[in-house]
Protein backbone atom coordinates (compact mmCIF):
# COMPACT_ATOMS: atom_id res chain seq x y z
CA MET A 1 -69.14 -4.26 -57.11
CA ALA A 2 -67.88 -7.21 -55.03
CA ASP A 3 -65.47 -6.70 -52.18
CA PRO A 4 -61.88 -7.69 -52.94
CA SER A 5 -60.54 -10.81 -51.27
CA PRO A 6 -57.97 -10.48 -48.48
CA ILE A 7 -55.47 -12.01 -50.92
CA ASP A 8 -56.13 -9.23 -53.47
CA ILE A 9 -55.62 -6.61 -50.77
CA GLN A 10 -52.36 -8.19 -49.62
CA LYS A 11 -51.06 -8.48 -53.18
CA ALA A 12 -51.66 -4.74 -53.57
CA LEU A 13 -49.86 -4.05 -50.29
CA GLY A 14 -46.89 -6.36 -50.86
CA GLY A 15 -43.68 -4.74 -49.66
CA MET A 16 -45.56 -2.17 -47.56
CA ASP A 17 -43.73 -0.94 -44.46
CA TYR A 18 -45.81 -0.93 -41.27
CA PRO A 19 -47.06 0.92 -39.35
CA ALA A 20 -48.73 2.78 -42.19
CA SER A 21 -51.48 5.36 -42.46
CA LYS A 22 -54.56 4.87 -44.61
CA ASP A 23 -53.12 7.37 -47.12
CA ASP A 24 -49.86 5.39 -47.26
CA LEU A 25 -51.81 2.17 -47.94
CA VAL A 26 -53.82 3.75 -50.77
CA LYS A 27 -50.75 5.33 -52.37
CA HIS A 28 -48.78 2.08 -52.21
CA ALA A 29 -51.64 0.07 -53.71
CA LYS A 30 -52.13 2.66 -56.47
CA ASP A 31 -48.40 2.59 -57.28
CA LYS A 32 -48.57 -1.22 -57.58
CA GLY A 33 -51.48 -0.99 -60.02
CA ALA A 34 -54.24 -2.26 -57.72
CA ASP A 35 -57.70 -2.46 -59.23
CA ASP A 36 -60.55 -0.12 -58.32
CA THR A 37 -62.21 -2.52 -55.86
CA VAL A 38 -59.04 -2.72 -53.79
CA LEU A 39 -58.47 1.03 -53.97
CA ASP A 40 -62.09 1.74 -52.97
CA THR A 41 -61.84 -0.65 -50.03
CA LEU A 42 -58.60 0.88 -48.80
CA GLY A 43 -59.95 4.39 -49.33
CA ASN A 44 -62.94 3.60 -47.12
CA LEU A 45 -60.85 2.39 -44.17
CA PRO A 46 -60.87 4.51 -41.00
CA ASP A 47 -58.16 7.16 -41.03
CA ARG A 48 -55.64 5.70 -38.59
CA GLU A 49 -52.32 3.86 -38.40
CA TYR A 50 -52.31 0.17 -39.37
CA ASP A 51 -49.75 -2.08 -37.69
CA SER A 52 -49.77 -5.09 -40.02
CA PRO A 53 -51.38 -6.69 -43.08
CA THR A 54 -53.68 -8.60 -40.72
CA ASP A 55 -54.77 -5.31 -39.16
CA VAL A 56 -55.71 -3.98 -42.62
CA ASN A 57 -57.65 -7.13 -43.54
CA LYS A 58 -59.57 -7.11 -40.23
CA GLU A 59 -60.69 -3.53 -40.82
CA ALA A 60 -61.44 -4.09 -44.51
CA SER A 61 -63.74 -7.03 -43.75
CA ARG A 62 -66.00 -5.05 -41.40
């Protein structure tokens, strides 16, 4: 399965309030109907607080 693009991740996280925990990110994306590749990527992020969309994308692209 291909990794989602940063744009797909940000679409799923649109309207997210930061800072946010990994669990908050996954729940928000799920509530917005994100696809499985986005949810898997977010679910595999380190369990910490994320300060911005850029912070999420940096971690997701590692």
